[in-house]
Protein backbone atom coordinates (compact mmCIF):
# COMPACT_ATOMS: atom_id res chain seq x y z
CA MET A 1 0.00 0.00 0.00
CA LYS A 2 1.26 3.51 -0.74
CA VAL A 3 0.04 7.08 -0.27
CA LEU A 4 -0.76 8.70 -3.62
CA ARG A 5 -1.62 12.17 -2.27
CA ILE A 6 -2.88 13.98 0.81
CA LEU A 7 -6.23 15.76 0.41
CA THR A 8 -5.76 18.91 2.47
CA ASP A 9 -9.16 20.54 1.90
CA ILE A 10 -11.16 17.67 3.40
CA ARG A 11 -12.00 17.75 7.11
CA LEU A 12 -13.06 14.89 9.35
CA VAL A 13 -16.26 15.69 11.26
CA ILE A 14 -18.81 13.86 13.35
CA ALA A 15 -22.28 14.48 11.92
CA GLU A 16 -25.57 13.30 13.35
CA LEU A 17 -27.21 11.48 10.44
CA GLU A 18 -30.81 10.33 10.14
CA VAL A 19 -31.46 7.04 8.34
CA ASN A 20 -34.70 5.33 7.31
CA LEU A 21 -34.50 1.60 8.08
CA GLY A 22 -37.73 0.15 6.79
CA GLU A 23 -40.45 1.87 8.80
CA GLU A 24 -38.01 3.04 11.50
CA VAL A 25 -36.14 6.33 11.49
CA ARG A 26 -32.86 6.26 13.40
CA ASN A 27 -30.17 8.83 14.00
CA SER A 28 -26.66 8.54 15.34
CA PRO A 29 -23.33 10.38 15.34
CA THR A 30 -21.27 9.22 12.36
CA LEU A 31 -17.68 9.87 11.32
CA CYS A 32 -17.79 11.75 8.00
CA ALA A 33 -15.55 13.63 5.59
CA LEU A 34 -16.61 17.23 4.86
CA VAL A 35 -15.73 18.02 1.24
CA PRO A 36 -15.81 21.74 0.40
CA GLY A 37 -17.89 22.78 -2.60
CA VAL A 38 -16.14 23.95 -5.75
CA ALA A 39 -17.12 27.04 -7.76
CA GLY A 40 -20.07 27.99 -5.55
CA ALA A 41 -21.41 24.45 -5.08
CA GLN A 42 -22.49 23.49 -1.58
CA ASP A 43 -20.28 21.47 0.76
CA GLN A 44 -20.87 17.73 0.84
CA VAL A 45 -20.74 15.28 3.73
CA VAL A 46 -19.48 11.78 2.92
CA PRO A 47 -20.20 9.13 5.60
CA LEU A 48 -17.24 6.90 6.43
CA SER A 49 -19.33 4.14 8.01
CA THR A 50 -22.67 2.40 7.52
CA PRO A 51 -25.60 3.04 9.89
CA ASP A 52 -24.63 -0.08 11.86
CA GLY A 53 -21.03 1.16 12.31
CA ARG A 54 -19.13 -0.82 9.67
CA PRO A 55 -16.43 1.21 7.88
CA ILE A 56 -16.84 2.02 4.18
CA PHE A 57 -14.65 3.63 1.51
CA MET A 58 -15.01 7.36 1.02
CA ARG A 59 -16.85 7.78 -2.29
CA ILE A 60 -18.31 11.02 -3.57
CA GLU A 61 -21.32 8.99 -4.81
CA ASN A 62 -22.27 8.56 -1.12
CA ALA A 63 -22.19 12.33 -0.48
CA ILE A 64 -25.02 14.17 1.26
CA GLY A 65 -25.46 17.89 0.56
CA THR A 66 -25.34 20.28 3.52
């Protein structure tokens, strides 16, 4: 494994996320990456774990607008 680059504009934050699980609505603090918006776009929050706490890869497709 090797480091390709360091992303300096991204911050790690803990965000309280709300998730619909069937008919239940749950919320919990979740470790996320805060990606700043580019050219006037809004910032995006990318969860780094699933609602049940399993880690996931940071993918912009999983982003949630702020």
